């Protein structure tokens, strides 16, 4: 009987101690994330603008306009949400310099399969680009936002630029 009482008291003290312990890791992560979002903009991490761009087998980006601040570091993550392989339905993200003729670029890109559909003769017209990916894959690119203005972005996989394009606006 004494052993049962001792065991009961020990278990009661153990559970009481557990209830006043530090937050569980998942609770701590939630708290840390909330605090990180509230950090002032001067912190280096706050100067990174993260953009998630999704594209599927329907040959469309889920965004046709991206806005960023001048001087920010931009990280574009491209998710291919479709199932088609790269050879049939590859996607990339290409940000062109101002004044570049998108049709001319896209036409030249058709012959640049070995260079992620970036024409070697026109690499100077590109601010940033991702690799070309197939269904279920993800890629990203990080770059400095260009000067204020409006720029074109597109998927340079053959034939995709007609429906996979948008405006990249630097404020």
Protein backbone atom coordinates (compact mmCIF):
# COMPACT_ATOMS: atom_id res chain seq x y z
CA UNK A 1 0.00 0.00 0.00
CA UNK A 2 2.83 2.39 0.89
CA UNK A 3 4.47 1.69 -2.48
CA UNK A 4 1.22 2.59 -4.29
CA UNK A 5 0.90 5.88 -2.43
CA UNK A 6 4.57 6.71 -3.07
CA UNK A 7 4.16 5.89 -6.77
CA UNK A 8 0.97 7.98 -6.96
CA UNK A 9 2.67 11.00 -5.34
CA UNK A 10 5.73 10.63 -7.59
CA UNK A 11 3.55 10.52 -10.74
CA UNK A 12 1.50 13.53 -9.57
CA UNK A 13 4.67 15.58 -9.00
CA UNK A 14 6.08 14.47 -12.35
CA UNK A 15 2.96 15.55 -14.29
CA UNK A 16 2.78 18.85 -12.39
CA UNK A 17 6.40 19.58 -13.33
CA UNK A 18 5.76 18.77 -16.98
CA UNK A 19 2.87 21.25 -17.18
CA UNK A 20 5.10 24.15 -16.11
CA UNK A 21 7.99 23.31 -18.42
CA UNK A 22 9.12 25.25 -21.48
CA UNK A 23 6.84 25.32 -24.55
CA UNK A 24 6.94 22.33 -26.87
CA UNK A 25 9.15 22.81 -29.96
CA UNK A 26 6.12 23.35 -32.21
CA UNK A 27 4.75 25.98 -29.80
CA UNK A 28 8.15 27.69 -29.69
CA UNK A 29 8.35 27.72 -33.50
CA UNK A 30 4.97 29.44 -33.69
CA UNK A 31 6.06 32.04 -31.16
CA UNK A 32 9.39 32.62 -32.94
CA UNK A 33 7.69 32.98 -36.34
CA UNK A 34 5.24 35.53 -35.01
CA UNK A 35 8.05 37.54 -33.46
CA UNK A 36 10.15 37.32 -36.63
CA UNK A 37 7.29 38.75 -38.68
CA UNK A 38 7.03 41.67 -36.28
CA UNK A 39 10.75 42.54 -36.62
CA UNK A 40 11.51 46.02 -37.97
CA UNK A 41 12.44 46.32 -41.64
CA UNK A 42 16.06 47.23 -40.84
CA UNK A 43 17.05 43.61 -40.17
CA UNK A 44 18.90 42.03 -43.11
CA UNK A 45 16.38 39.19 -43.46
CA UNK A 46 13.56 41.72 -43.77
CA UNK A 47 15.20 43.15 -46.91
CA UNK A 48 14.64 39.87 -48.79
CA UNK A 49 11.41 39.84 -50.74
CA UNK A 50 10.28 36.26 -51.26
CA UNK A 51 7.99 35.56 -54.20
CA UNK A 52 6.41 32.16 -54.77
CA UNK A 53 5.31 31.57 -58.33
CA UNK A 54 3.30 28.47 -59.21
CA UNK A 55 2.87 27.09 -62.72
CA UNK A 56 1.08 23.95 -63.82
CA UNK A 57 0.29 21.88 -66.87
CA UNK A 58 -2.23 24.57 -67.90
CA UNK A 59 0.67 26.83 -69.02
CA UNK A 60 -0.16 29.67 -66.64
CA UNK A 61 1.63 31.36 -63.77
CA UNK A 62 -0.57 31.99 -60.74
CA UNK A 63 0.67 35.62 -60.73
CA UNK A 64 0.86 38.04 -63.63
CA UNK A 65 2.19 40.91 -61.57
CA UNK A 66 4.99 41.00 -59.01
CA UNK A 67 5.82 44.14 -57.00
CA UNK A 68 9.08 44.65 -55.12
CA UNK A 69 10.98 47.55 -53.59
CA UNK A 70 14.04 49.02 -55.25
CA UNK A 71 17.23 47.79 -53.61
CA UNK A 72 15.63 44.66 -52.15
CA UNK A 73 17.08 41.23 -52.59
CA UNK A 74 14.43 39.21 -54.40
CA UNK A 75 14.07 35.45 -54.12
CA UNK A 76 11.70 33.92 -56.67
CA UNK A 77 10.72 30.32 -55.98
CA UNK A 78 9.09 28.57 -58.93
CA UNK A 79 6.94 25.51 -58.22
CA UNK A 80 5.85 23.33 -61.13
CA UNK A 81 2.53 22.13 -59.77
CA UNK A 82 1.76 19.92 -62.78
CA UNK A 83 2.68 16.33 -63.50
CA UNK A 84 4.11 16.57 -67.01
CA UNK A 85 7.84 15.92 -67.43
CA UNK A 86 10.30 18.67 -68.32
CA UNK A 87 10.59 17.56 -71.96
CA UNK A 88 6.84 17.95 -72.50
CA UNK A 89 5.93 20.86 -70.23
CA UNK A 90 9.02 22.53 -68.76
CA UNK A 91 8.71 25.86 -66.99
CA UNK A 92 11.14 28.56 -65.96
CA UNK A 93 11.09 32.17 -64.82
CA UNK A 94 12.99 34.73 -66.89
CA UNK A 95 13.15 38.43 -65.97
CA UNK A 96 14.07 40.60 -68.95
CA UNK A 97 15.73 43.99 -68.94
CA UNK A 98 13.57 46.95 -69.94
CA UNK A 99 13.07 47.36 -73.67
CA UNK A 100 13.81 43.75 -74.62
CA UNK A 101 11.43 42.47 -77.28
CA UNK A 102 9.71 39.49 -75.64
CA UNK A 103 8.66 37.94 -78.97
CA UNK A 104 12.20 38.12 -80.33
CA UNK A 105 13.56 36.63 -77.09
CA UNK A 106 10.99 33.81 -77.04
CA UNK A 107 11.63 32.97 -80.71
CA UNK A 108 15.37 32.74 -80.10
CA UNK A 109 14.78 30.68 -76.93
CA UNK A 110 13.26 27.83 -78.95
CA UNK A 111 16.76 26.82 -80.08
CA UNK A 112 18.36 27.19 -76.62
CA UNK A 113 17.22 23.96 -74.96
CA UNK A 114 20.76 23.21 -73.74
CA UNK A 115 20.91 26.59 -71.98
CA UNK A 116 17.57 26.46 -70.06
CA UNK A 117 15.91 28.16 -73.03
CA UNK A 118 18.02 31.30 -72.59
CA UNK A 119 19.49 32.23 -76.01
CA UNK A 120 23.28 32.52 -75.58
CA UNK A 121 23.31 35.60 -77.81
CA UNK A 122 20.75 37.30 -75.52
CA UNK A 123 22.03 36.49 -72.01
CA UNK A 124 22.84 40.20 -71.63
CA UNK A 125 19.11 40.92 -71.93
CA UNK A 126 18.29 38.84 -68.84
CA UNK A 127 18.31 40.18 -65.29
CA UNK A 128 17.67 36.79 -63.67
CA UNK A 129 16.31 33.36 -64.50
CA UNK A 130 15.69 29.97 -62.95
CA UNK A 131 16.55 26.61 -64.38
CA UNK A 132 13.83 24.85 -66.36
CA UNK A 133 11.88 22.30 -64.33
CA UNK A 134 9.29 19.58 -64.89
CA UNK A 135 6.18 18.52 -63.00
CA UNK A 136 6.52 18.35 -59.22
CA UNK A 137 9.87 20.15 -59.17
CA UNK A 138 10.89 23.44 -57.54
CA UNK A 139 13.68 25.88 -58.31
CA UNK A 140 14.60 29.36 -57.19
CA UNK A 141 16.76 32.34 -58.05
CA UNK A 142 17.95 35.21 -55.88
CA UNK A 143 18.94 38.60 -57.29
CA UNK A 144 19.03 42.32 -56.57
CA UNK A 145 15.94 44.21 -57.65
CA UNK A 146 16.74 46.39 -60.67
CA UNK A 147 16.09 50.17 -60.66
CA UNK A 148 12.52 51.45 -60.37
CA UNK A 149 10.40 50.63 -63.37
CA UNK A 150 8.34 47.92 -65.03
CA UNK A 151 9.96 44.82 -66.49
CA UNK A 152 8.61 41.75 -68.33
CA UNK A 153 8.90 38.20 -67.04
CA UNK A 154 8.06 35.04 -68.93
CA UNK A 155 8.50 31.31 -69.27
CA UNK A 156 10.85 30.84 -72.21
CA UNK A 157 9.99 27.16 -72.83
CA UNK A 158 8.87 26.97 -76.49
CA UNK A 159 5.38 28.38 -76.96
CA UNK A 160 4.75 29.19 -73.30
CA UNK A 161 5.37 32.94 -73.31
CA UNK A 162 1.97 33.61 -74.92
CA UNK A 163 0.18 32.67 -71.67
CA UNK A 164 3.03 32.60 -69.14
CA UNK A 165 4.12 36.18 -68.76
CA UNK A 166 3.68 39.13 -66.48
CA UNK A 167 4.93 42.45 -65.20
CA UNK A 168 7.68 42.81 -62.60
CA UNK A 169 7.21 46.22 -60.99
CA UNK A 170 9.99 47.82 -58.96
CA UNK A 171 8.75 50.66 -56.74
